[in-house]
Amino acid sequence: MRAAMMAAVNDLKTALGRAPEQLTVEQRLALAGKFVALEIYSPETLPFRRIEAIGDSALECFRQLAARGLDPTRFEIIRLSAPY
């Protein structure tokens, strides 16, 4: 059980900075049900919108963004689903 929890934590860390479409099946399973913050689409964010925060709630994502000095109003929060 502890090994599974550590793997899930590592999946969270490795998902930051990646587009949801780039996540592996295992990462998507570990993140299923979590909220993620993605920069709102603009020509400057092409080609990928990267995950900048992960949390159990939208508020937690906004707090993480603010703590990193990012403007939370430039992000949308979505809930990740399982890959299948």
N, C-alpha and C. Protein backbone atom coordinates (compact mmCIF):
# COMPACT_ATOMS: atom_id res chain seq x y z
N MET A 1 0.82 -1.20 0.00
CA MET A 1 0.00 0.00 0.00
C MET A 1 0.86 1.25 0.00
N ARG A 2 1.90 1.29 0.81
CA ARG A 2 2.77 2.46 0.89
C ARG A 2 3.47 2.70 -0.45
N ALA A 3 3.88 1.66 -1.13
CA ALA A 3 4.54 1.81 -2.42
C ALA A 3 3.59 2.43 -3.44
N ALA A 4 2.33 2.02 -3.39
CA ALA A 4 1.33 2.58 -4.31
C ALA A 4 1.12 4.06 -4.04
N MET A 5 1.12 4.46 -2.76
CA MET A 5 0.95 5.87 -2.41
C MET A 5 2.14 6.69 -2.90
N MET A 6 3.35 6.16 -2.75
CA MET A 6 4.54 6.87 -3.20
C MET A 6 4.54 7.01 -4.72
N ALA A 7 4.11 5.98 -5.41
CA ALA A 7 4.04 6.03 -6.87
C ALA A 7 3.04 7.10 -7.31
N ALA A 8 1.91 7.20 -6.61
CA ALA A 8 0.91 8.20 -6.94
C ALA A 8 1.45 9.60 -6.72
N VAL A 9 2.20 9.82 -5.64
CA VAL A 9 2.80 11.13 -5.38
C VAL A 9 3.79 11.47 -6.48
N ASN A 10 4.60 10.50 -6.89
CA ASN A 10 5.56 10.73 -7.97
C ASN A 10 4.83 11.05 -9.27
N ASP A 11 3.70 10.40 -9.53
CA ASP A 11 2.91 10.68 -10.72
C ASP A 11 2.42 12.12 -10.71
N LEU A 12 2.03 12.61 -9.53
CA LEU A 12 1.58 14.00 -9.42
C LEU A 12 2.71 14.94 -9.79
N LYS A 13 3.89 14.68 -9.27
CA LYS A 13 5.03 15.56 -9.53
C LYS A 13 5.44 15.53 -11.00
N THR A 14 5.44 14.37 -11.62
CA THR A 14 5.88 14.28 -13.01
C THR A 14 4.83 14.81 -13.97
N ALA A 15 3.59 14.96 -13.53
CA ALA A 15 2.53 15.48 -14.40
C ALA A 15 2.60 17.00 -14.54
N LEU A 16 3.18 17.68 -13.56
CA LEU A 16 3.29 19.14 -13.63
C LEU A 16 4.14 19.52 -14.84
N GLY A 17 3.67 20.51 -15.58
CA GLY A 17 4.39 20.97 -16.75
C GLY A 17 4.10 20.20 -18.02
N ARG A 18 3.25 19.19 -17.93
CA ARG A 18 2.91 18.39 -19.10
C ARG A 18 1.46 18.64 -19.50
N ALA A 19 1.18 18.44 -20.77
CA ALA A 19 -0.19 18.54 -21.25
C ALA A 19 -0.95 17.28 -20.83
N PRO A 20 -2.23 17.39 -20.49
CA PRO A 20 -2.99 16.19 -20.11
C PRO A 20 -2.91 15.09 -21.16
N GLU A 21 -2.83 15.48 -22.43
CA GLU A 21 -2.76 14.50 -23.51
C GLU A 21 -1.45 13.73 -23.52
N GLN A 22 -0.43 14.24 -22.85
CA GLN A 22 0.87 13.59 -22.80
C GLN A 22 1.02 12.61 -21.64
N LEU A 23 0.05 12.57 -20.74
CA LEU A 23 0.14 11.70 -19.57
C LEU A 23 0.00 10.24 -19.98
N THR A 24 0.69 9.38 -19.26
CA THR A 24 0.55 7.95 -19.49
C THR A 24 -0.76 7.46 -18.90
N VAL A 25 -1.15 6.26 -19.26
CA VAL A 25 -2.37 5.67 -18.71
C VAL A 25 -2.25 5.58 -17.19
N GLU A 26 -1.09 5.19 -16.69
CA GLU A 26 -0.89 5.06 -15.25
C GLU A 26 -1.02 6.41 -14.56
N GLN A 27 -0.48 7.47 -15.17
CA GLN A 27 -0.60 8.80 -14.58
C GLN A 27 -2.05 9.26 -14.58
N ARG A 28 -2.76 9.01 -15.68
CA ARG A 28 -4.18 9.40 -15.73
C ARG A 28 -4.99 8.67 -14.67
N LEU A 29 -4.67 7.40 -14.46
CA LEU A 29 -5.37 6.64 -13.42
C LEU A 29 -5.07 7.22 -12.04
N ALA A 30 -3.82 7.58 -11.79
CA ALA A 30 -3.43 8.14 -10.49
C ALA A 30 -4.07 9.51 -10.28
N LEU A 31 -4.30 10.25 -11.36
CA LEU A 31 -4.85 11.60 -11.25
C LEU A 31 -6.35 11.67 -11.45
N ALA A 32 -6.98 10.55 -11.74
CA ALA A 32 -8.44 10.53 -11.97
C ALA A 32 -9.17 11.12 -10.76
N GLY A 33 -10.01 12.10 -11.04
CA GLY A 33 -10.78 12.76 -9.98
C GLY A 33 -10.10 13.99 -9.41
N LYS A 34 -8.83 14.20 -9.72
CA LYS A 34 -8.11 15.38 -9.24
C LYS A 34 -8.45 16.57 -10.12
N PHE A 35 -8.30 17.76 -9.57
CA PHE A 35 -8.47 18.99 -10.33
C PHE A 35 -7.09 19.45 -10.80
N VAL A 36 -7.03 19.98 -12.01
CA VAL A 36 -5.78 20.52 -12.54
C VAL A 36 -6.03 21.91 -13.10
N ALA A 37 -5.01 22.74 -13.01
CA ALA A 37 -5.07 24.09 -13.57
C ALA A 37 -4.31 24.10 -14.88
N LEU A 38 -4.99 24.57 -15.93
CA LEU A 38 -4.39 24.71 -17.26
C LEU A 38 -4.50 26.17 -17.67
N GLU A 39 -3.43 26.69 -18.27
CA GLU A 39 -3.49 28.06 -18.74
C GLU A 39 -4.58 28.19 -19.80
N ILE A 40 -5.35 29.26 -19.73
CA ILE A 40 -6.42 29.50 -20.69
C ILE A 40 -5.80 29.63 -22.07
N TYR A 41 -6.44 29.04 -23.06
CA TYR A 41 -5.91 29.03 -24.42
C TYR A 41 -5.68 30.44 -24.94
N SER A 42 -4.54 30.62 -25.57
CA SER A 42 -4.23 31.84 -26.31
C SER A 42 -3.16 31.47 -27.33
N PRO A 43 -2.93 32.28 -28.33
CA PRO A 43 -1.88 31.95 -29.30
C PRO A 43 -0.51 31.75 -28.65
N GLU A 44 -0.27 32.41 -27.52
CA GLU A 44 1.02 32.26 -26.83
C GLU A 44 1.16 30.90 -26.15
N THR A 45 0.05 30.23 -25.85
CA THR A 45 0.14 28.94 -25.15
C THR A 45 0.20 27.76 -26.10
N LEU A 46 0.16 28.01 -27.40
CA LEU A 46 0.29 26.92 -28.37
C LEU A 46 1.66 26.29 -28.26
N PRO A 47 1.87 25.04 -28.55
CA PRO A 47 0.85 24.07 -28.93
C PRO A 47 0.18 23.38 -27.75
N PHE A 48 0.82 23.42 -26.58
CA PHE A 48 0.27 22.69 -25.44
C PHE A 48 -0.15 23.62 -24.32
N ARG A 49 -1.16 23.19 -23.62
CA ARG A 49 -1.52 23.83 -22.36
C ARG A 49 -1.03 22.89 -21.28
N ARG A 50 -0.12 23.34 -20.48
CA ARG A 50 0.50 22.48 -19.49
C ARG A 50 -0.21 22.56 -18.14
N ILE A 51 -0.14 21.44 -17.42
CA ILE A 51 -0.68 21.37 -16.06
C ILE A 51 0.25 22.18 -15.16
N GLU A 52 -0.31 23.17 -14.48
CA GLU A 52 0.49 24.03 -13.60
C GLU A 52 0.17 23.83 -12.13
N ALA A 53 -0.92 23.14 -11.83
CA ALA A 53 -1.27 22.85 -10.43
C ALA A 53 -2.18 21.63 -10.41
N ILE A 54 -2.09 20.85 -9.34
CA ILE A 54 -2.90 19.65 -9.15
C ILE A 54 -3.40 19.67 -7.72
N GLY A 55 -4.70 19.42 -7.53
CA GLY A 55 -5.23 19.40 -6.18
C GLY A 55 -6.53 18.65 -6.08
N ASP A 56 -7.00 18.51 -4.84
CA ASP A 56 -8.28 17.84 -4.59
C ASP A 56 -9.46 18.79 -4.77
N SER A 57 -9.18 20.09 -4.95
CA SER A 57 -10.25 21.07 -5.18
C SER A 57 -9.72 22.17 -6.08
N ALA A 58 -10.65 22.93 -6.67
CA ALA A 58 -10.25 24.07 -7.48
C ALA A 58 -9.53 25.10 -6.63
N LEU A 59 -10.01 25.31 -5.41
CA LEU A 59 -9.39 26.28 -4.51
C LEU A 59 -7.94 25.91 -4.22
N GLU A 60 -7.67 24.64 -4.03
CA GLU A 60 -6.30 24.19 -3.79
C GLU A 60 -5.41 24.52 -5.00
N CYS A 61 -5.94 24.32 -6.20
CA CYS A 61 -5.18 24.66 -7.41
C CYS A 61 -4.89 26.16 -7.45
N PHE A 62 -5.90 26.98 -7.15
CA PHE A 62 -5.70 28.42 -7.15
C PHE A 62 -4.65 28.83 -6.13
N ARG A 63 -4.65 28.20 -4.98
CA ARG A 63 -3.66 28.51 -3.94
C ARG A 63 -2.25 28.16 -4.42
N GLN A 64 -2.12 27.02 -5.08
CA GLN A 64 -0.81 26.61 -5.60
C GLN A 64 -0.31 27.60 -6.65
N LEU A 65 -1.20 28.03 -7.52
CA LEU A 65 -0.82 28.99 -8.56
C LEU A 65 -0.34 30.30 -7.92
N ALA A 66 -1.11 30.81 -6.97
CA ALA A 66 -0.76 32.06 -6.30
C ALA A 66 0.57 31.93 -5.56
N ALA A 67 0.80 30.78 -4.93
CA ALA A 67 2.05 30.56 -4.20
C ALA A 67 3.26 30.58 -5.13
N ARG A 68 3.05 30.23 -6.39
CA ARG A 68 4.12 30.24 -7.38
C ARG A 68 4.22 31.58 -8.10
N GLY A 69 3.39 32.54 -7.70
CA GLY A 69 3.43 33.85 -8.32
C GLY A 69 2.71 33.92 -9.65
N LEU A 70 1.86 32.94 -9.95
CA LEU A 70 1.09 32.93 -11.19
C LEU A 70 -0.28 33.55 -10.96
N ASP A 71 -0.81 34.21 -11.96
CA ASP A 71 -2.11 34.87 -11.87
C ASP A 71 -3.22 33.83 -12.07
N PRO A 72 -3.96 33.47 -11.02
CA PRO A 72 -5.00 32.44 -11.15
C PRO A 72 -6.09 32.77 -12.16
N THR A 73 -6.28 34.04 -12.49
CA THR A 73 -7.31 34.40 -13.47
C THR A 73 -6.93 34.00 -14.89
N ARG A 74 -5.69 33.62 -15.11
CA ARG A 74 -5.23 33.19 -16.44
C ARG A 74 -5.34 31.67 -16.62
N PHE A 75 -5.99 30.99 -15.67
CA PHE A 75 -6.06 29.54 -15.70
C PHE A 75 -7.50 29.06 -15.59
N GLU A 76 -7.74 27.90 -16.21
CA GLU A 76 -9.01 27.23 -16.03
C GLU A 76 -8.74 25.97 -15.23
N ILE A 77 -9.72 25.56 -14.45
CA ILE A 77 -9.60 24.37 -13.62
C ILE A 77 -10.53 23.31 -14.21
N ILE A 78 -9.96 22.14 -14.45
CA ILE A 78 -10.76 21.02 -14.94
C ILE A 78 -10.53 19.82 -14.02
N ARG A 79 -11.46 18.92 -14.03
CA ARG A 79 -11.31 17.68 -13.26
C ARG A 79 -10.93 16.58 -14.24
N LEU A 80 -9.82 15.92 -13.98
CA LEU A 80 -9.37 14.85 -14.87
C LEU A 80 -10.21 13.59 -14.66
N SER A 81 -10.50 12.95 -15.75
CA SER A 81 -11.23 11.69 -15.66
C SER A 81 -10.25 10.54 -15.93
N ALA A 82 -10.72 9.35 -15.69
CA ALA A 82 -9.93 8.16 -15.98
C ALA A 82 -9.70 8.08 -17.49
N PRO A 83 -8.64 7.42 -17.91
CA PRO A 83 -8.32 7.40 -19.35
C PRO A 83 -9.30 6.57 -20.17
N TYR A 84 -10.08 5.73 -19.55
CA TYR A 84 -11.06 4.92 -20.28
C TYR A 84 -12.20 4.55 -19.39
